Amino acid sequence: MLIDSHAHLDSPRYDADREAMLSRAWSAGVRTILSIGIGEGPAEMHQALDICREFSGRPNLPTIYASAGIYPHSSTEADDDALARLDALLAMPEVIACGEIGFDYYHEGAPRDVQRKVLIRQLEIAAARKRPILIHCRGTNESADAWDDLFLVLEEHWRSTSLGGIMHCFGGGWEQARHSLELGFLVSFAGNLTYPKAQPLRDVAARVPMNAVLVETDAPWLAPGPSRGQRNEPAFVVQTAQTLAQLLNVSSDEIATATTENFFRLFPVRQNMGNY
């Protein structure tokens, strides 16, 4: 049993075959997917929850949970109405996380001061709703500038909540991973872990404790090595999990068990929600 801890199931790239795509995930052994609710902006945050409800309870399809959040690029759209919609979504039992949120200095989709203000506001909303967070962090030319700013915010506004979260599609170095672990975050690896030029990332992954790792697709992007260039989908998380297992010197079954246990320790939804 595997969990895809981060997939954009509401992408229009799945409109023609979404159910078939989910069926392929089930056949590959993926039993749970966290559907990310950022859409193309705050007006579409609800789409992940809609998909979660559409496919809930169907046989031979993964269980889907949802998140909701305002992506860094959309920070300029985070007005009071958008933040109120976020709060309302996080109140829904199927919406188990706030995200993906954070900083992106690589594309500079929004001014840095705006990104910071909106991140802090979302942390406040997530804390009030007792939801862990999903962090997106990317610096300029892969430098640590966004990470440095992120940790300053998390130390001041998040550590004290003890709610933790996930460092999604982790791409930092060991120092960033170490700090994330110390803050109570899980570190999630995506398909880029398998790329030939990703040896520095693999070196980091090999040092992360088994009780702190997750795997994800970030679908429809970042298809892993053998499928690179294709549309990514949750079934492909198996390839990333196999790579991570090799790095940690464990079997595929062991990495599946560990990542599943880690996910449900952060999100104890099995006990709280049943089959909703």
Protein backbone atom coordinates (compact mmCIF):
# COMPACT_ATOMS: atom_id res chain seq x y z
CA MET A 1 0.00 0.00 0.00
CA LEU A 2 1.38 3.38 -1.02
CA ILE A 3 0.20 6.94 -0.50
CA ASP A 4 0.67 9.72 -3.01
CA SER A 5 0.97 12.60 -0.57
CA HIS A 6 0.69 15.36 -3.19
CA ALA A 7 -1.18 15.26 -6.50
CA HIS A 8 -3.10 17.93 -8.39
CA LEU A 9 -6.05 15.77 -9.34
CA ASP A 10 -8.07 18.79 -10.44
CA SER A 11 -5.68 19.49 -13.31
CA PRO A 12 -7.50 19.86 -16.64
CA ARG A 13 -5.00 17.34 -18.00
CA TYR A 14 -7.08 14.63 -16.30
CA ASP A 15 -10.48 15.80 -17.49
CA ALA A 16 -10.72 13.13 -20.18
CA ASP A 17 -9.71 10.13 -18.04
CA ARG A 18 -9.73 11.06 -14.34
CA GLU A 19 -11.52 7.92 -13.17
CA ALA A 20 -9.34 5.68 -15.32
CA MET A 21 -6.26 7.42 -13.96
CA LEU A 22 -7.42 6.75 -10.40
CA SER A 23 -8.12 3.12 -11.31
CA ARG A 24 -4.54 2.76 -12.57
CA ALA A 25 -3.31 4.14 -9.25
CA TRP A 26 -5.32 1.50 -7.39
CA SER A 27 -3.94 -1.24 -9.62
CA ALA A 28 -0.41 -0.01 -8.88
CA GLY A 29 -1.01 -0.32 -5.14
CA VAL A 30 -1.76 3.32 -4.36
CA ARG A 31 -4.52 3.30 -1.77
CA THR A 32 -4.61 6.95 -0.68
CA ILE A 33 -4.06 10.29 -2.45
CA LEU A 34 -3.91 13.79 -1.03
CA SER A 35 -5.52 16.01 -3.65
CA ILE A 36 -4.03 19.49 -3.59
CA GLY A 37 -6.48 22.39 -3.56
CA ILE A 38 -4.79 25.43 -5.05
CA GLY A 39 -6.23 25.36 -8.57
CA GLU A 40 -5.21 28.27 -10.74
CA GLY A 41 -5.93 30.66 -7.88
CA PRO A 42 -8.11 31.07 -4.78
CA ALA A 43 -11.34 30.89 -6.78
CA GLU A 44 -10.51 27.24 -7.56
CA MET A 45 -9.37 26.05 -4.12
CA HIS A 46 -12.57 24.03 -3.75
CA GLN A 47 -11.88 21.78 -6.74
CA ALA A 48 -9.78 19.28 -4.79
CA LEU A 49 -12.61 18.82 -2.30
CA ASP A 50 -15.09 18.43 -5.15
CA ILE A 51 -13.00 15.58 -6.59
CA CYS A 52 -12.62 14.04 -3.16
CA ARG A 53 -16.40 13.92 -2.78
CA GLU A 54 -17.07 12.84 -6.36
CA PHE A 55 -15.01 9.67 -6.02
CA SER A 56 -15.62 8.94 -2.34
CA GLY A 57 -16.59 5.35 -1.60
CA ARG A 58 -16.19 4.00 -5.11
CA PRO A 59 -14.77 0.47 -5.18
CA ASN A 60 -11.25 -0.17 -6.46
CA LEU A 61 -10.29 3.49 -6.37
CA PRO A 62 -7.93 5.13 -3.84
CA THR A 63 -9.30 7.02 -0.87
CA ILE A 64 -8.88 10.74 -1.59
CA TYR A 65 -8.40 13.50 0.93
CA ALA A 66 -8.07 17.17 0.06
CA SER A 67 -6.09 20.25 0.96
CA ALA A 68 -6.79 23.94 0.39
CA GLY A 69 -4.40 26.84 0.20
CA ILE A 70 -3.23 29.90 -1.69
CA TYR A 71 -0.10 29.21 -3.71
CA PRO A 72 2.72 31.79 -3.48
CA HIS A 73 2.17 32.93 -7.08
CA SER A 74 -1.45 33.74 -6.20
CA SER A 75 -0.62 35.78 -3.10
CA THR A 76 -1.79 39.01 -4.71
CA GLU A 77 -5.27 37.45 -4.98
CA ALA A 78 -5.48 36.66 -1.26
CA ASP A 79 -8.04 39.23 -0.26
CA ASP A 80 -10.40 38.90 2.70
CA ASP A 81 -12.93 36.93 0.69
CA ALA A 82 -10.30 34.44 -0.47
CA LEU A 83 -9.02 33.94 3.06
CA ALA A 84 -12.57 33.44 4.31
CA ARG A 85 -13.10 30.77 1.65
CA LEU A 86 -9.90 29.09 2.76
CA ASP A 87 -11.07 29.07 6.36
CA ALA A 88 -14.41 27.57 5.35
CA LEU A 89 -12.72 24.83 3.32
CA LEU A 90 -10.38 23.92 6.17
CA ALA A 91 -13.45 23.41 8.33
CA MET A 92 -14.54 20.51 6.10
CA PRO A 93 -13.53 17.09 7.49
CA GLU A 94 -12.16 15.87 4.17
CA VAL A 95 -9.80 18.86 3.92
CA ILE A 96 -6.99 17.65 6.13
CA ALA A 97 -4.22 20.12 5.28
CA CYS A 98 -3.56 23.73 4.35
CA GLY A 99 -1.47 24.03 1.24
CA GLU A 100 0.45 24.13 -0.75
CA ILE A 101 1.66 27.43 0.67
CA GLY A 102 5.06 29.02 1.13
CA PHE A 103 7.60 30.99 -0.84
CA ASP A 104 8.64 30.94 -4.49
CA TYR A 105 11.45 33.32 -5.40
CA TYR A 106 12.36 31.43 -8.56
CA HIS A 107 9.44 32.60 -10.67
CA GLU A 108 8.64 35.73 -8.61
CA GLY A 109 4.93 35.39 -9.25
CA ALA A 110 4.22 37.82 -6.41
CA PRO A 111 6.35 40.32 -4.47
CA ARG A 112 8.23 38.73 -1.59
CA ASP A 113 6.66 40.95 1.05
CA VAL A 114 3.21 39.97 -0.20
CA GLN A 115 4.13 36.28 -0.17
CA ARG A 116 5.29 36.64 3.44
CA LYS A 117 2.16 38.45 4.58
CA VAL A 118 -0.14 35.91 2.94
CA LEU A 119 1.84 32.95 4.26
CA ILE A 120 1.58 34.25 7.82
CA ARG A 121 -2.14 34.83 7.46
CA GLN A 122 -2.63 31.28 6.17
CA LEU A 123 -0.58 29.89 9.04
CA GLU A 124 -2.92 31.65 11.43
CA ILE A 125 -5.98 30.18 9.72
CA ALA A 126 -4.46 26.68 9.60
CA ALA A 127 -3.50 26.86 13.28
CA ALA A 128 -7.03 27.88 14.27
CA ARG A 129 -8.41 24.93 12.29
CA LYS A 130 -5.66 22.61 13.61
CA ARG A 131 -4.56 21.61 10.14
CA PRO A 132 -0.96 20.69 9.24
CA ILE A 133 0.56 22.64 6.36
CA LEU A 134 2.05 21.69 2.99
CA ILE A 135 5.06 23.85 2.17
CA HIS A 136 6.29 24.86 -1.26
CA CYS A 137 9.72 26.48 -1.15
CA ARG A 138 11.91 27.41 -4.08
CA GLY A 139 14.69 29.98 -4.08
CA THR A 140 16.36 31.98 -6.81
CA ASN A 141 18.47 29.64 -8.90
CA GLU A 142 17.94 26.99 -6.21
CA SER A 143 19.73 29.12 -3.60
CA ALA A 144 18.75 29.10 0.08
CA ASP A 145 17.23 32.59 0.18
CA ALA A 146 13.61 31.41 0.22
CA TRP A 147 14.47 28.69 2.75
CA ASP A 148 16.11 31.19 5.07
CA ASP A 149 13.05 33.43 4.95
CA LEU A 150 10.72 30.46 5.33
CA PHE A 151 12.37 29.19 8.49
CA LEU A 152 12.23 32.65 10.05
CA VAL A 153 8.47 32.69 9.51
CA LEU A 154 7.94 29.12 10.69
CA GLU A 155 9.99 29.65 13.83
CA GLU A 156 7.91 32.69 14.76
CA HIS A 157 4.46 31.68 13.58
CA TRP A 158 4.28 27.88 13.37
CA ARG A 159 6.66 26.01 15.68
CA SER A 160 4.55 26.68 18.77
CA THR A 161 1.47 25.03 17.20
CA SER A 162 3.19 21.60 17.12
CA LEU A 163 0.99 20.79 14.13
CA GLY A 164 3.87 20.11 11.75
CA GLY A 165 3.37 19.52 8.08
CA ILE A 166 5.07 18.36 4.90
CA MET A 167 7.98 19.84 2.99
CA HIS A 168 6.51 19.05 -0.41
CA CYS A 169 8.71 18.06 -3.37
CA PHE A 170 11.76 18.64 -1.21
CA GLY A 171 14.65 20.18 -3.13
CA GLY A 172 16.87 21.69 -0.46
CA GLY A 173 20.13 20.52 1.03
CA TRP A 174 20.79 18.62 4.22
CA GLU A 175 20.72 21.76 6.38
CA GLN A 176 17.22 22.59 5.13
CA ALA A 177 16.11 18.98 5.68
CA ARG A 178 17.59 18.94 9.19
CA HIS A 179 15.82 22.17 10.12
CA SER A 180 12.55 20.86 8.68
CA LEU A 181 12.80 17.69 10.76
CA GLU A 182 13.58 19.70 13.86
CA LEU A 183 10.38 21.70 13.29
CA GLY A 184 8.36 18.48 13.12
CA PHE A 185 7.89 18.31 9.35
CA LEU A 186 7.88 15.25 7.16
CA VAL A 187 10.08 15.43 4.06
CA SER A 188 8.40 14.35 0.84
CA PHE A 189 10.25 13.30 -2.29
CA ALA A 190 8.85 13.47 -5.81
CA GLY A 191 9.82 12.05 -9.19
CA ASN A 192 12.80 14.37 -9.57
CA LEU A 193 14.55 12.16 -6.99
CA THR A 194 15.05 9.69 -9.86
CA TYR A 195 16.62 12.10 -12.35
CA PRO A 196 20.25 11.54 -13.39
CA LYS A 197 21.41 14.98 -12.23
CA ALA A 198 19.68 14.70 -8.85
CA GLN A 199 22.52 12.98 -6.98
CA PRO A 200 22.76 15.81 -4.40
CA LEU A 201 19.07 15.32 -3.63
CA ARG A 202 19.54 11.56 -3.37
CA ASP A 203 22.41 12.16 -0.95
CA VAL A 204 20.02 14.16 1.25
CA ALA A 205 17.25 11.56 0.99
CA ALA A 206 19.63 8.85 2.14
CA ARG A 207 20.11 10.73 5.43
CA VAL A 208 16.46 11.36 6.28
CA PRO A 209 15.11 8.95 8.94
CA MET A 210 12.55 6.41 7.79
CA ASN A 211 9.99 7.81 10.22
CA ALA A 212 10.10 11.21 8.51
CA VAL A 213 9.81 10.48 4.77
CA LEU A 214 6.92 10.56 2.34
CA VAL A 215 6.63 10.03 -1.41
CA GLU A 216 4.54 12.00 -3.87
CA THR A 217 4.06 12.63 -7.56
CA ASP A 218 3.21 16.34 -7.73
CA ALA A 219 1.17 15.07 -10.67
CA PRO A 220 0.67 16.01 -13.43
CA TRP A 221 4.25 17.32 -13.27
CA LEU A 222 7.64 15.71 -12.53
CA ALA A 223 7.06 12.21 -13.84
CA PRO A 224 9.85 9.95 -12.53
CA GLY A 225 12.76 8.68 -14.62
CA PRO A 226 11.26 5.96 -16.82
CA SER A 227 8.17 8.09 -17.49
CA ARG A 228 9.90 11.48 -17.67
CA GLY A 229 8.31 13.75 -20.25
CA GLN A 230 4.92 12.08 -19.90
CA ARG A 231 1.97 13.39 -17.95
CA ASN A 232 2.58 12.27 -14.40
CA GLU A 233 -0.10 10.44 -12.41
CA PRO A 234 -0.39 8.84 -8.96
CA ALA A 235 0.42 5.32 -10.20
CA PHE A 236 3.94 6.54 -10.93
CA VAL A 237 4.66 7.17 -7.25
CA VAL A 238 5.74 3.53 -7.15
CA GLN A 239 8.88 4.42 -9.09
CA THR A 240 9.86 7.17 -6.67
CA ALA A 241 9.19 4.86 -3.70
CA GLN A 242 11.49 2.22 -5.20
CA THR A 243 14.29 4.76 -5.56
CA LEU A 244 13.83 5.97 -2.00
CA ALA A 245 13.85 2.38 -0.72
CA GLN A 246 17.18 1.76 -2.42
CA LEU A 247 18.66 4.91 -0.92
CA LEU A 248 17.55 3.90 2.58
CA ASN A 249 18.61 0.26 2.08
CA VAL A 250 15.17 -1.16 2.72
CA SER A 251 12.66 -3.13 0.68
CA SER A 252 9.82 -1.64 -1.32
CA ASP A 253 7.38 -3.12 1.17
CA GLU A 254 9.22 -1.47 4.05
CA ILE A 255 9.18 1.96 2.42
CA ALA A 256 5.47 1.55 1.64
CA THR A 257 4.75 0.68 5.26
CA ALA A 258 6.90 3.50 6.63
CA THR A 259 5.50 6.23 4.40
CA THR A 260 1.94 5.09 5.08
CA GLU A 261 2.51 5.13 8.83
CA ASN A 262 4.16 8.55 8.60
CA PHE A 263 1.23 9.99 6.65
CA PHE A 264 -1.40 8.73 9.06
CA ARG A 265 0.61 9.84 12.06
CA LEU A 266 0.51 13.39 10.71
CA PHE A 267 -3.09 13.04 9.53
CA PRO A 268 -4.91 10.62 11.90
CA VAL A 269 -7.89 10.48 9.56
CA ARG A 270 -8.35 6.71 9.66
CA GLN A 271 -9.49 6.96 13.25
CA ASN A 272 -11.42 10.21 12.91
CA MET A 273 -13.20 9.95 9.56
CA GLY A 274 -13.86 6.32 8.74
CA ASN A 275 -15.17 6.17 5.19
CA TYR A 276 -16.80 9.61 5.42
